[in-house]
Every structure is written in C-alpha cells, then in structure tokens.
Amino acid sequence: MLSKEENKMVELGLASVEENFDDGVRQALDFLSEIGTVYLNERKEPEAEGAVVSIKTIGKAAAMQGMENAAVNAIRALERILQHSVEQKTEGTTISILLSFGTIGKAAAEQQMEMVAKLAASVLGKSGNSAALRNGERETIAVAIGLGEIGKSVARLRFPDVSENAATCISCLGDAGKIAAQQKLEDAAVGIELMLEEMAVAAMAENMQSVVGNIADSLEEIGKSAAEEEMENAVFQATSSLQTIMADSDSMYLNDASITAKVALESFNELDIINDEENIRKIEEIRETMRELWIGSSGLKTESKK
C-alpha cells in the first residue's frame, strides 16, 4: 500500500510522461528511489518493492512515450535501490528490480530506443554475473528472463544497429550462464539456455544468421562448463537448444546458422547425454517458474498488493 505522498509522486511521474516533461519525471523518480532505499534500511521490504514497482511503471510509460532521458533515469533510480537491496540481502526486492530492468528495456526495444535497451541489458549483465558469483540462483534466473525479453524484442524489430544490441544480450547471457554453470547453479544455467533458445527462434524468424550463430556459440560454452560440473540437465538443455536451432535453420535455409549449430553439437558427441522424462520434467519446471516470475512482474503481483 503506497503512502499518500508516494501516490502523489507516481501521479506526478505519469502525468509528466503524458506531457513529455522530463523534470517532473525526474522529480518523481528521485523521490521514489530515495524512499525505496529508506524502506530497505528499515527492513520494510514490501514497501520497498512497492517503490520499485512504481519506478518500473513510470519507466515503462516513459519508454513507450519515447522519452529516452526519462527511461534512462528510471533505470538509474532502480540501480540505486538495487545496490542497497543486494547489501541488505532482500532477495524479493532484488528480483523485482532485475525484472523491472527487463520490462523497461523491452519497452524501449519495442520503441526502437537502442541506447536505453542496451543500457538495460548491460545493467542486467553485470547484475547476472554478480548474482551468480554469490550463488544467487533465483536472482540469476531473473536476470536471464530480463535479458531474454529484451533480446527477443531487439531481434524482432531490426534496429539499425541490431547486431550490436543483440550481441550485448547474447554476450551477457553467455557470461552469466558460464558463471552459473561453474558455480553449479544448474537451474540458472538451464534458464539462461532456455532464453537463448527463445532469442534464437526470434532471430531466425528475421533471417538474422549471425545472431543465431552467436547464440549457438554461447550455448556450446555454457554446455561445456555444465559438462565439467556434471550437471546433466544443463548439458541436456544445451544440446536440445542446439538441435532446435539446427533443425529450424535447415527448414528456413539459414545455412550458416545451421552449420554453426551443427559444429557446436559435435563438441558434445563424446558425452553420454541423458534424455529421459526426469530431465524433461525438471526443465519444464524451470520454464514454468520463469514464466510465472515474468507474468508476476508484469502486473499480477502489483495488483495483489494494492
């Protein structure tokens, strides 16, 4: 439940977006980031999450309105709260912030705001590496969701510098995936592989062979790291994603992408990859968890708190 002052600032922020008034948006975001930090220091996590949701709402609206500076300010406001949330070890708030980066970045991508989308992806990438290194599995999964949603939007819209934006998402997912595998965070590694596969499907639909090839390379790297740690599910998902890419590339006559995926698959030939109902069930559970997190961050959780 937001306080009267918070509600007033949210209204100011949204009204300022409608009027394309950057100063009003910045004023609202500054207040909400400050109050969110205060709530965390006071161990009031539900209230802090409320401030995060408000910033996300304003940031998404700004991105959809094409207000680049305001969208960037929303990302920076969330970053300030994120730092305190990590220090306070408030996982729920941290996950909410990470998913909010994905929401704003996705909206920016859909409006062809390349710089904002890339900023959101870069912030998520750094956060993913940090989360994996401190064994924050659910946080790493949240990063994977955010990066995947931005990456899929980038692939579908074909920015003038789409390859650079797509490369940022792929690189960030790949780095986080390798660290997750090395840290034996199998659910996170599988989640990242699932998002890379979804991004590959979106890229293939737009005939973006180089992007698909880069994804195949990242899947191979994550799979190899998972194999070294004897993580069956992550190895299985890496090969399954590569098989999907190879088959779909063949059917779409994307020869370069198909060859890259085939070569990547060959690196797993000597492994005894287990493919049974238990593997499939576990991976579907991870997929469903990710779907529920994203749906919740899109509004259902917010509504339940009002």
C-alpha atoms as a PDB file:
ATOM      1  CA  MET A   1       0.000   0.000   0.000  1.00  0.00           C
ATOM      2  CA  LEU A   2       1.588   3.270  -1.114  1.00  0.00           C
ATOM      3  CA  SER A   3       1.527   6.306   1.151  1.00  0.00           C
ATOM      4  CA  LYS A   4      -0.304   9.427   0.055  1.00  0.00           C
ATOM      5  CA  GLU A   5       2.999  11.116  -0.783  1.00  0.00           C
ATOM      6  CA  GLU A   6       4.151   8.147  -2.861  1.00  0.00           C
ATOM      7  CA  ASN A   7       0.845   8.052  -4.732  1.00  0.00           C
ATOM      8  CA  LYS A   8       1.198  11.770  -5.386  1.00  0.00           C
ATOM      9  CA  MET A   9       4.681  11.255  -6.828  1.00  0.00           C
ATOM     10  CA  VAL A  10       3.552   8.359  -9.020  1.00  0.00           C
ATOM     11  CA  GLU A  11       0.751  10.539 -10.368  1.00  0.00           C
ATOM     12  CA  LEU A  12       3.259  13.334 -10.981  1.00  0.00           C
ATOM     13  CA  GLY A  13       5.578  10.970 -12.824  1.00  0.00           C
ATOM     14  CA  LEU A  14       2.876   9.531 -15.068  1.00  0.00           C
ATOM     15  CA  ALA A  15       1.326  12.937 -15.750  1.00  0.00           C
ATOM     16  CA  SER A  16       4.767  14.295 -16.645  1.00  0.00           C
ATOM     17  CA  VAL A  17       5.250  11.416 -19.093  1.00  0.00           C
ATOM     18  CA  GLU A  18       1.998  12.340 -20.812  1.00  0.00           C
ATOM     19  CA  GLU A  19       3.204  15.936 -21.029  1.00  0.00           C
ATOM     20  CA  ASN A  20       6.757  14.982 -22.097  1.00  0.00           C
ATOM     21  CA  PHE A  21       8.051  16.887 -19.077  1.00  0.00           C
ATOM     22  CA  ASP A  22      11.416  15.363 -18.122  1.00  0.00           C
ATOM     23  CA  ASP A  23      11.895  17.407 -14.955  1.00  0.00           C
ATOM     24  CA  GLY A  24       8.628  16.182 -13.466  1.00  0.00           C
ATOM     25  CA  VAL A  25       9.533  12.573 -14.226  1.00  0.00           C
ATOM     26  CA  ARG A  26      12.965  13.003 -12.685  1.00  0.00           C
ATOM     27  CA  GLN A  27      11.493  14.548  -9.547  1.00  0.00           C
ATOM     28  CA  ALA A  28       9.149  11.602  -9.083  1.00  0.00           C
ATOM     29  CA  LEU A  29      11.876   9.029  -9.739  1.00  0.00           C
ATOM     30  CA  ASP A  30      14.312  10.676  -7.337  1.00  0.00           C
ATOM     31  CA  PHE A  31      11.723  10.658  -4.572  1.00  0.00           C
ATOM     32  CA  LEU A  32      10.748   7.033  -5.161  1.00  0.00           C
ATOM     33  CA  SER A  33      14.352   5.808  -5.256  1.00  0.00           C
ATOM     34  CA  GLU A  34      15.118   7.637  -2.019  1.00  0.00           C
ATOM     35  CA  ILE A  35      12.050   6.312  -0.217  1.00  0.00           C
ATOM     36  CA  GLY A  36      12.749   2.818  -1.528  1.00  0.00           C
ATOM     37  CA  THR A  37      16.234   2.953  -0.041  1.00  0.00           C
ATOM     38  CA  VAL A  38      14.849   4.209   3.269  1.00  0.00           C
ATOM     39  CA  TYR A  39      12.385   1.312   3.371  1.00  0.00           C
ATOM     40  CA  LEU A  40      15.186  -1.187   2.800  1.00  0.00           C
ATOM     41  CA  ASN A  41      17.274   0.337   5.572  1.00  0.00           C
ATOM     42  CA  GLU A  42      14.253  -0.015   7.837  1.00  0.00           C
ATOM     43  CA  ARG A  43      13.770  -3.638   6.704  1.00  0.00           C
ATOM     44  CA  LYS A  44      10.375  -2.807   5.192  1.00  0.00           C
ATOM     45  CA  GLU A  45      10.696  -4.986   2.117  1.00  0.00           C
ATOM     46  CA  PRO A  46       7.057  -4.942   0.918  1.00  0.00           C
ATOM     47  CA  GLU A  47       7.111  -1.141   0.962  1.00  0.00           C
ATOM     48  CA  ALA A  48      10.450  -1.115  -0.882  1.00  0.00           C
ATOM     49  CA  GLU A  49       9.014  -3.414  -3.555  1.00  0.00           C
ATOM     50  CA  GLY A  50       6.090  -1.019  -3.897  1.00  0.00           C
ATOM     51  CA  ALA A  51       8.526   1.808  -4.687  1.00  0.00           C
ATOM     52  CA  VAL A  52      10.285  -0.429  -7.223  1.00  0.00           C
ATOM     53  CA  VAL A  53       7.004  -1.252  -8.966  1.00  0.00           C
ATOM     54  CA  SER A  54       6.166   2.461  -9.125  1.00  0.00           C
ATOM     55  CA  ILE A  55       9.530   3.296 -10.725  1.00  0.00           C
ATOM     56  CA  LYS A  56       9.065   0.460 -13.214  1.00  0.00           C
ATOM     57  CA  THR A  57       5.603   1.730 -14.129  1.00  0.00           C
ATOM     58  CA  ILE A  58       6.890   5.246 -14.766  1.00  0.00           C
ATOM     59  CA  GLY A  59       9.963   3.957 -16.624  1.00  0.00           C
ATOM     60  CA  LYS A  60       7.913   1.721 -18.898  1.00  0.00           C
ATOM     61  CA  ALA A  61       5.486   4.556 -19.637  1.00  0.00           C
ATOM     62  CA  ALA A  62       8.404   6.852 -20.437  1.00  0.00           C
ATOM     63  CA  ALA A  63       9.914   4.282 -22.799  1.00  0.00           C
ATOM     64  CA  MET A  64       6.606   3.761 -24.590  1.00  0.00           C
ATOM     65  CA  GLN A  65       6.306   7.533 -24.933  1.00  0.00           C
ATOM     66  CA  GLY A  66       9.778   7.722 -26.482  1.00  0.00           C
ATOM     67  CA  MET A  67      11.230   9.733 -23.575  1.00  0.00           C
ATOM     68  CA  GLU A  68      14.810   8.493 -23.641  1.00  0.00           C
ATOM     69  CA  ASN A  69      16.184  10.574 -20.753  1.00  0.00           C
ATOM     70  CA  ALA A  70      13.270   9.657 -18.504  1.00  0.00           C
ATOM     71  CA  ALA A  71      13.658   5.945 -19.257  1.00  0.00           C
ATOM     72  CA  VAL A  72      17.379   6.152 -18.504  1.00  0.00           C
ATOM     73  CA  ASN A  73      16.620   7.950 -15.242  1.00  0.00           C
ATOM     74  CA  ALA A  74      14.238   5.157 -14.264  1.00  0.00           C
ATOM     75  CA  ILE A  75      16.959   2.568 -14.846  1.00  0.00           C
ATOM     76  CA  ARG A  76      19.419   4.614 -12.780  1.00  0.00           C
ATOM     77  CA  ALA A  77      16.838   5.026  -9.994  1.00  0.00           C
ATOM     78  CA  LEU A  78      16.379   1.262  -9.871  1.00  0.00           C
ATOM     79  CA  GLU A  79      20.145   0.774  -9.798  1.00  0.00           C
ATOM     80  CA  ARG A  80      20.397   2.895  -6.664  1.00  0.00           C
ATOM     81  CA  ILE A  81      17.851   0.743  -4.871  1.00  0.00           C
ATOM     82  CA  LEU A  82      19.469  -2.435  -6.219  1.00  0.00           C
ATOM     83  CA  GLN A  83      22.761  -1.637  -4.548  1.00  0.00           C
ATOM     84  CA  HIS A  84      21.082  -1.384  -1.144  1.00  0.00           C
ATOM     85  CA  SER A  85      18.887  -4.414  -1.774  1.00  0.00           C
ATOM     86  CA  VAL A  86      21.915  -6.594  -2.506  1.00  0.00           C
ATOM     87  CA  GLU A  87      23.666  -5.290   0.603  1.00  0.00           C
ATOM     88  CA  GLN A  88      20.571  -5.986   2.722  1.00  0.00           C
ATOM     89  CA  LYS A  89      20.149  -9.435   1.118  1.00  0.00           C
ATOM     90  CA  THR A  90      16.492  -8.746   0.376  1.00  0.00           C
ATOM     91  CA  GLU A  91      16.087 -11.267  -2.426  1.00  0.00           C
ATOM     92  CA  GLY A  92      12.471 -10.458  -3.249  1.00  0.00           C
ATOM     93  CA  THR A  93      13.203  -6.780  -3.835  1.00  0.00           C
ATOM     94  CA  THR A  94      16.340  -7.587  -5.817  1.00  0.00           C
ATOM     95  CA  ILE A  95      14.402  -9.912  -8.114  1.00  0.00           C
ATOM     96  CA  SER A  96      11.684  -7.277  -8.566  1.00  0.00           C
ATOM     97  CA  ILE A  97      14.324  -4.726  -9.601  1.00  0.00           C
ATOM     98  CA  LEU A  98      16.006  -7.102 -12.043  1.00  0.00           C
ATOM     99  CA  LEU A  99      12.714  -7.947 -13.723  1.00  0.00           C
ATOM    100  CA  SER A 100      11.926  -4.218 -13.863  1.00  0.00           C
ATOM    101  CA  PHE A 101      15.099  -3.621 -15.888  1.00  0.00           C
ATOM    102  CA  GLY A 102      13.769  -6.219 -18.318  1.00  0.00           C
ATOM    103  CA  THR A 103      10.356  -4.550 -18.506  1.00  0.00           C
ATOM    104  CA  ILE A 104      11.793  -1.105 -19.249  1.00  0.00           C
ATOM    105  CA  GLY A 105      14.390  -2.491 -21.661  1.00  0.00           C
ATOM    106  CA  LYS A 106      11.771  -4.489 -23.554  1.00  0.00           C
ATOM    107  CA  ALA A 107       9.504  -1.447 -23.856  1.00  0.00           C
ATOM    108  CA  ALA A 108      12.462   0.617 -25.063  1.00  0.00           C
ATOM    109  CA  ALA A 109      13.350  -2.025 -27.640  1.00  0.00           C
ATOM    110  CA  GLU A 110       9.799  -2.043 -28.954  1.00  0.00           C
ATOM    111  CA  GLN A 111      10.036   1.737 -29.425  1.00  0.00           C
ATOM    112  CA  GLN A 112      13.416   1.362 -31.185  1.00  0.00           C
ATOM    113  CA  MET A 113      15.229   3.213 -28.396  1.00  0.00           C
ATOM    114  CA  GLU A 114      18.552   1.457 -28.941  1.00  0.00           C
ATOM    115  CA  MET A 115      20.546   3.197 -26.237  1.00  0.00           C
ATOM    116  CA  VAL A 116      18.006   2.550 -23.474  1.00  0.00           C
ATOM    117  CA  ALA A 117      17.594  -1.110 -24.439  1.00  0.00           C
ATOM    118  CA  LYS A 118      21.352  -1.581 -24.465  1.00  0.00           C
ATOM    119  CA  LEU A 119      21.734   0.153 -21.095  1.00  0.00           C
ATOM    120  CA  ALA A 120      19.104  -2.088 -19.504  1.00  0.00           C
ATOM    121  CA  ALA A 121      20.795  -5.182 -20.957  1.00  0.00           C
ATOM    122  CA  SER A 122      24.237  -4.068 -19.777  1.00  0.00           C
ATOM    123  CA  VAL A 123      22.999  -3.403 -16.243  1.00  0.00           C
ATOM    124  CA  LEU A 124      21.347  -6.821 -16.217  1.00  0.00           C
ATOM    125  CA  GLY A 125      24.531  -8.437 -17.483  1.00  0.00           C
ATOM    126  CA  LYS A 126      26.630  -7.030 -14.652  1.00  0.00           C
ATOM    127  CA  SER A 127      23.945  -7.966 -12.155  1.00  0.00           C
ATOM    128  CA  GLY A 128      23.775 -11.511 -13.517  1.00  0.00           C
ATOM    129  CA  ASN A 129      27.488 -12.092 -13.143  1.00  0.00           C
ATOM    130  CA  SER A 130      27.410 -10.690  -9.622  1.00  0.00           C
ATOM    131  CA  ALA A 131      24.366 -12.757  -8.639  1.00  0.00           C
ATOM    132  CA  ALA A 132      25.875 -15.981  -9.976  1.00  0.00           C
ATOM    133  CA  LEU A 133      29.178 -15.373  -8.200  1.00  0.00           C
ATOM    134  CA  ARG A 134      27.403 -15.001  -4.855  1.00  0.00           C
ATOM    135  CA  ASN A 135      25.269 -18.092  -5.603  1.00  0.00           C
ATOM    136  CA  GLY A 136      22.058 -16.105  -6.015  1.00  0.00           C
ATOM    137  CA  GLU A 137      20.272 -18.598  -8.229  1.00  0.00           C
ATOM    138  CA  ARG A 138      16.810 -17.006  -8.331  1.00  0.00           C
ATOM    139  CA  GLU A 139      18.378 -13.612  -8.969  1.00  0.00           C
ATOM    140  CA  THR A 140      20.394 -15.068 -11.856  1.00  0.00           C
ATOM    141  CA  ILE A 141      17.206 -16.568 -13.283  1.00  0.00           C
ATOM    142  CA  ALA A 142      15.530 -13.144 -13.056  1.00  0.00           C
ATOM    143  CA  VAL A 143      18.457 -11.670 -14.996  1.00  0.00           C
ATOM    144  CA  ALA A 144      18.052 -14.366 -17.653  1.00  0.00           C
ATOM    145  CA  ILE A 145      14.360 -13.511 -18.043  1.00  0.00           C
ATOM    146  CA  GLY A 146      15.040  -9.785 -18.385  1.00  0.00           C
ATOM    147  CA  LEU A 147      17.857 -10.227 -20.885  1.00  0.00           C
ATOM    148  CA  GLY A 148      15.853 -12.743 -22.892  1.00  0.00           C
ATOM    149  CA  GLU A 149      12.824 -10.474 -23.149  1.00  0.00           C
ATOM    150  CA  ILE A 150      14.972  -7.556 -24.298  1.00  0.00           C
ATOM    151  CA  GLY A 151      16.873  -9.786 -26.726  1.00  0.00           C
ATOM    152  CA  LYS A 152      13.733 -11.183 -28.324  1.00  0.00           C
ATOM    153  CA  SER A 153      12.322  -7.691 -28.831  1.00  0.00           C
ATOM    154  CA  VAL A 154      15.590  -6.496 -30.338  1.00  0.00           C
ATOM    155  CA  ALA A 155      15.643  -9.437 -32.741  1.00  0.00           C
ATOM    156  CA  ARG A 156      12.087  -8.860 -33.906  1.00  0.00           C
ATOM    157  CA  LEU A 157      12.410  -5.142 -34.621  1.00  0.00           C
ATOM    158  CA  ARG A 158      15.680  -4.931 -36.544  1.00  0.00           C
ATOM    159  CA  PHE A 159      17.297  -1.788 -35.162  1.00  0.00           C
ATOM    160  CA  PRO A 160      19.805  -0.015 -37.390  1.00  0.00           C
ATOM    161  CA  ASP A 161      22.459  -1.415 -35.026  1.00  0.00           C
ATOM    162  CA  VAL A 162      20.510  -4.575 -34.174  1.00  0.00           C
ATOM    163  CA  SER A 163      23.599  -6.760 -34.277  1.00  0.00           C
ATOM    164  CA  GLU A 164      25.233  -4.665 -31.552  1.00  0.00           C
ATOM    165  CA  ASN A 165      22.163  -4.735 -29.318  1.00  0.00           C
ATOM    166  CA  ALA A 166      21.606  -8.439 -29.914  1.00  0.00           C
ATOM    167  CA  ALA A 167      25.286  -9.124 -29.285  1.00  0.00           C
ATOM    168  CA  THR A 168      25.047  -7.346 -25.928  1.00  0.00           C
ATOM    169  CA  CYS A 169      22.162  -9.567 -24.808  1.00  0.00           C
ATOM    170  CA  ILE A 170      23.830 -12.739 -26.078  1.00  0.00           C
ATOM    171  CA  SER A 171      27.177 -11.866 -24.513  1.00  0.00           C
ATOM    172  CA  CYS A 172      25.585 -11.045 -21.153  1.00  0.00           C
ATOM    173  CA  LEU A 173      23.531 -14.237 -21.171  1.00  0.00           C
ATOM    174  CA  GLY A 174      26.557 -16.292 -22.184  1.00  0.00           C
ATOM    175  CA  ASP A 175      28.803 -14.854 -19.478  1.00  0.00           C
ATOM    176  CA  ALA A 176      26.178 -15.300 -16.764  1.00  0.00           C
ATOM    177  CA  GLY A 177      25.460 -18.815 -18.000  1.00  0.00           C
ATOM    178  CA  LYS A 178      29.094 -19.898 -17.812  1.00  0.00           C
ATOM    179  CA  ILE A 179      29.476 -18.477 -14.303  1.00  0.00           C
ATOM    180  CA  ALA A 180      26.213 -20.129 -13.220  1.00  0.00           C
ATOM    181  CA  ALA A 181      27.477 -23.466 -14.524  1.00  0.00           C
ATOM    182  CA  GLN A 182      30.850 -23.044 -12.829  1.00  0.00           C
ATOM    183  CA  GLN A 183      29.047 -22.211  -9.570  1.00  0.00           C
ATOM    184  CA  LYS A 184      26.870 -25.313 -10.019  1.00  0.00           C
ATOM    185  CA  LEU A 185      23.688 -23.245 -10.250  1.00  0.00           C
ATOM    186  CA  GLU A 186      22.002 -25.696 -12.577  1.00  0.00           C
ATOM    187  CA  ASP A 187      18.521 -24.161 -12.626  1.00  0.00           C
ATOM    188  CA  ALA A 188      20.019 -20.780 -13.540  1.00  0.00           C
ATOM    189  CA  ALA A 189      22.196 -22.297 -16.270  1.00  0.00           C
ATOM    190  CA  VAL A 190      19.172 -24.078 -17.760  1.00  0.00           C
ATOM    191  CA  GLY A 191      17.103 -20.890 -17.534  1.00  0.00           C
ATOM    192  CA  ILE A 192      19.722 -18.957 -19.458  1.00  0.00           C
ATOM    193  CA  GLU A 193      19.881 -21.683 -22.123  1.00  0.00           C
ATOM    194  CA  LEU A 194      16.093 -21.541 -22.481  1.00  0.00           C
ATOM    195  CA  MET A 195      16.167 -17.774 -23.021  1.00  0.00           C
ATOM    196  CA  LEU A 196      18.985 -18.086 -25.557  1.00  0.00           C
ATOM    197  CA  GLU A 197      16.908 -20.632 -27.466  1.00  0.00           C
ATOM    198  CA  GLU A 198      13.863 -18.335 -27.470  1.00  0.00           C
ATOM    199  CA  MET A 199      16.016 -15.481 -28.704  1.00  0.00           C
ATOM    200  CA  ALA A 200      17.403 -17.727 -31.464  1.00  0.00           C
ATOM    201  CA  VAL A 201      13.879 -18.589 -32.611  1.00  0.00           C
ATOM    202  CA  ALA A 202      13.019 -14.880 -32.813  1.00  0.00           C
ATOM    203  CA  ALA A 203      16.238 -14.147 -34.717  1.00  0.00           C
ATOM    204  CA  MET A 204      15.679 -16.991 -37.189  1.00  0.00           C
ATOM    205  CA  ALA A 205      12.241 -15.617 -37.992  1.00  0.00           C
ATOM    206  CA  GLU A 206      14.011 -12.408 -39.109  1.00  0.00           C
ATOM    207  CA  ASN A 207      16.733 -14.263 -41.056  1.00  0.00           C
ATOM    208  CA  MET A 208      19.469 -12.992 -38.703  1.00  0.00           C
ATOM    209  CA  GLN A 209      22.051 -15.710 -39.257  1.00  0.00           C
ATOM    210  CA  SER A 210      24.965 -14.063 -37.463  1.00  0.00           C
ATOM    211  CA  VAL A 211      22.865 -13.541 -34.339  1.00  0.00           C
ATOM    212  CA  VAL A 212      21.775 -17.195 -34.377  1.00  0.00           C
ATOM    213  CA  GLY A 213      25.375 -18.284 -34.835  1.00  0.00           C
ATOM    214  CA  ASN A 214      26.485 -16.252 -31.831  1.00  0.00           C
ATOM    215  CA  ILE A 215      23.728 -17.825 -29.742  1.00  0.00           C
ATOM    216  CA  ALA A 216      24.865 -21.293 -30.785  1.00  0.00           C
ATOM    217  CA  ASP A 217      28.410 -20.440 -29.687  1.00  0.00           C
ATOM    218  CA  SER A 218      27.145 -19.243 -26.277  1.00  0.00           C
ATOM    219  CA  LEU A 219      25.072 -22.396 -25.801  1.00  0.00           C
ATOM    220  CA  GLU A 220      28.129 -24.506 -26.577  1.00  0.00           C
ATOM    221  CA  GLU A 221      30.223 -22.631 -23.989  1.00  0.00           C
ATOM    222  CA  ILE A 222      27.569 -22.953 -21.286  1.00  0.00           C
ATOM    223  CA  GLY A 223      27.063 -26.631 -22.098  1.00  0.00           C
ATOM    224  CA  LYS A 224      30.788 -27.343 -21.863  1.00  0.00           C
ATOM    225  CA  SER A 225      31.009 -25.614 -18.482  1.00  0.00           C
ATOM    226  CA  ALA A 226      27.973 -27.593 -17.315  1.00  0.00           C
ATOM    227  CA  ALA A 227      29.561 -30.838 -18.504  1.00  0.00           C
ATOM    228  CA  GLU A 228      32.682 -30.114 -16.472  1.00  0.00           C
ATOM    229  CA  GLU A 229      30.485 -29.813 -13.371  1.00  0.00           C
ATOM    230  CA  GLU A 230      28.466 -32.931 -14.330  1.00  0.00           C
ATOM    231  CA  MET A 231      25.171 -31.046 -14.494  1.00  0.00           C
ATOM    232  CA  GLU A 232      23.007 -33.368 -16.586  1.00  0.00           C
ATOM    233  CA  ASN A 233      20.010 -31.098 -17.044  1.00  0.00           C
ATOM    234  CA  ALA A 234      22.085 -28.137 -18.223  1.00  0.00           C
ATOM    235  CA  VAL A 235      24.057 -30.273 -20.672  1.00  0.00           C
ATOM    236  CA  PHE A 236      20.854 -31.829 -21.978  1.00  0.00           C
ATOM    237  CA  GLN A 237      19.226 -28.414 -22.459  1.00  0.00           C
ATOM    238  CA  ALA A 238      22.292 -27.009 -24.251  1.00  0.00           C
ATOM    239  CA  THR A 239      22.228 -29.850 -26.769  1.00  0.00           C
ATOM    240  CA  SER A 240      18.441 -29.700 -27.081  1.00  0.00           C
ATOM    241  CA  SER A 241      18.582 -25.973 -27.847  1.00  0.00           C
ATOM    242  CA  LEU A 242      21.327 -26.522 -30.417  1.00  0.00           C
ATOM    243  CA  GLN A 243      19.301 -29.290 -32.065  1.00  0.00           C
ATOM    244  CA  THR A 244      16.304 -26.939 -32.262  1.00  0.00           C
ATOM    245  CA  ILE A 245      18.456 -24.234 -33.862  1.00  0.00           C
ATOM    246  CA  MET A 246      19.976 -26.662 -36.362  1.00  0.00           C
ATOM    247  CA  ALA A 247      16.598 -28.119 -37.385  1.00  0.00           C
ATOM    248  CA  ASP A 248      14.848 -24.746 -37.673  1.00  0.00           C
ATOM    249  CA  SER A 249      17.792 -23.220 -39.543  1.00  0.00           C
ATOM    250  CA  ASP A 250      17.695 -26.083 -42.043  1.00  0.00           C
ATOM    251  CA  SER A 251      13.968 -25.622 -42.629  1.00  0.00           C
ATOM    252  CA  MET A 252      14.472 -21.875 -43.183  1.00  0.00           C
ATOM    253  CA  TYR A 253      17.540 -22.363 -45.400  1.00  0.00           C
ATOM    254  CA  LEU A 254      19.758 -20.465 -42.952  1.00  0.00           C
ATOM    255  CA  ASN A 255      22.816 -22.461 -43.924  1.00  0.00           C
ATOM    256  CA  ASP A 256      25.457 -20.553 -41.954  1.00  0.00           C
ATOM    257  CA  ALA A 257      23.450 -20.741 -38.742  1.00  0.00           C
ATOM    258  CA  SER A 258      22.731 -24.429 -39.270  1.00  0.00           C
ATOM    259  CA  ILE A 259      26.409 -25.220 -39.789  1.00  0.00           C
ATOM    260  CA  THR A 260      27.407 -23.277 -36.669  1.00  0.00           C
ATOM    261  CA  ALA A 261      24.852 -25.160 -34.559  1.00  0.00           C
ATOM    262  CA  LYS A 262      25.951 -28.497 -36.032  1.00  0.00           C
ATOM    263  CA  VAL A 263      29.604 -27.816 -35.244  1.00  0.00           C
ATOM    264  CA  ALA A 264      28.665 -26.790 -31.700  1.00  0.00           C
ATOM    265  CA  LEU A 265      26.675 -30.011 -31.259  1.00  0.00           C
ATOM    266  CA  GLU A 266      29.622 -32.104 -32.370  1.00  0.00           C
ATOM    267  CA  SER A 267      31.591 -30.928 -29.343  1.00  0.00           C
ATOM    268  CA  PHE A 268      29.193 -32.978 -27.183  1.00  0.00           C
ATOM    269  CA  ASN A 269      29.470 -36.202 -29.223  1.00  0.00           C
ATOM    270  CA  GLU A 270      31.652 -37.975 -26.689  1.00  0.00           C
ATOM    271  CA  LEU A 271      29.336 -37.242 -23.782  1.00  0.00           C
ATOM    272  CA  ASP A 272      26.713 -39.675 -22.539  1.00  0.00           C
ATOM    273  CA  ILE A 273      23.817 -37.232 -22.524  1.00  0.00           C
ATOM    274  CA  ILE A 274      20.845 -38.449 -20.538  1.00  0.00           C
ATOM    275  CA  ASN A 275      17.498 -37.767 -22.173  1.00  0.00           C
ATOM    276  CA  ASP A 276      14.702 -39.094 -20.024  1.00  0.00           C
ATOM    277  CA  GLU A 277      11.408 -37.992 -18.545  1.00  0.00           C
ATOM    278  CA  GLU A 278      13.082 -36.711 -15.383  1.00  0.00           C
ATOM    279  CA  ASN A 279      15.289 -34.299 -17.358  1.00  0.00           C
ATOM    280  CA  ILE A 280      12.334 -33.034 -19.361  1.00  0.00           C
ATOM    281  CA  ARG A 281      10.157 -32.659 -16.253  1.00  0.00           C
ATOM    282  CA  LYS A 282      12.837 -30.659 -14.434  1.00  0.00           C
ATOM    283  CA  ILE A 283      13.415 -28.345 -17.379  1.00  0.00           C
ATOM    284  CA  GLU A 284       9.682 -27.738 -17.776  1.00  0.00           C
ATOM    285  CA  GLU A 285       9.508 -26.844 -14.082  1.00  0.00           C
ATOM    286  CA  ILE A 286      12.247 -24.253 -14.601  1.00  0.00           C
ATOM    287  CA  ARG A 287      10.466 -22.908 -17.683  1.00  0.00           C
ATOM    288  CA  GLU A 288       7.209 -22.573 -15.722  1.00  0.00           C
ATOM    289  CA  THR A 289       8.955 -20.843 -12.812  1.00  0.00           C
ATOM    290  CA  MET A 290      10.395 -18.302 -15.247  1.00  0.00           C
ATOM    291  CA  ARG A 291       7.037 -17.766 -16.904  1.00  0.00           C
ATOM    292  CA  GLU A 292       5.373 -17.152 -13.545  1.00  0.00           C
ATOM    293  CA  LEU A 293       8.094 -14.697 -12.483  1.00  0.00           C
ATOM    294  CA  TRP A 294       7.693 -12.678 -15.678  1.00  0.00           C
ATOM    295  CA  ILE A 295       3.897 -12.678 -15.526  1.00  0.00           C
ATOM    296  CA  GLY A 296       4.042 -11.629 -11.888  1.00  0.00           C
ATOM    297  CA  SER A 297       6.401  -8.786 -12.684  1.00  0.00           C
ATOM    298  CA  SER A 298       4.055  -7.645 -15.448  1.00  0.00           C
ATOM    299  CA  GLY A 299       1.274  -6.731 -13.087  1.00  0.00           C
ATOM    300  CA  LEU A 300      -0.379  -9.596 -11.244  1.00  0.00           C
ATOM    301  CA  LYS A 301       1.850  -9.204  -8.195  1.00  0.00           C
ATOM    302  CA  THR A 302       1.349  -5.464  -8.266  1.00  0.00           C
ATOM    303  CA  GLU A 303      -2.416  -5.805  -8.291  1.00  0.00           C
ATOM    304  CA  SER A 304      -2.361  -8.164  -5.323  1.00  0.00           C
ATOM    305  CA  LYS A 305      -0.516  -5.579  -3.245  1.00  0.00           C
ATOM    306  CA  LYS A 306      -2.864  -2.708  -3.855  1.00  0.00           C
END
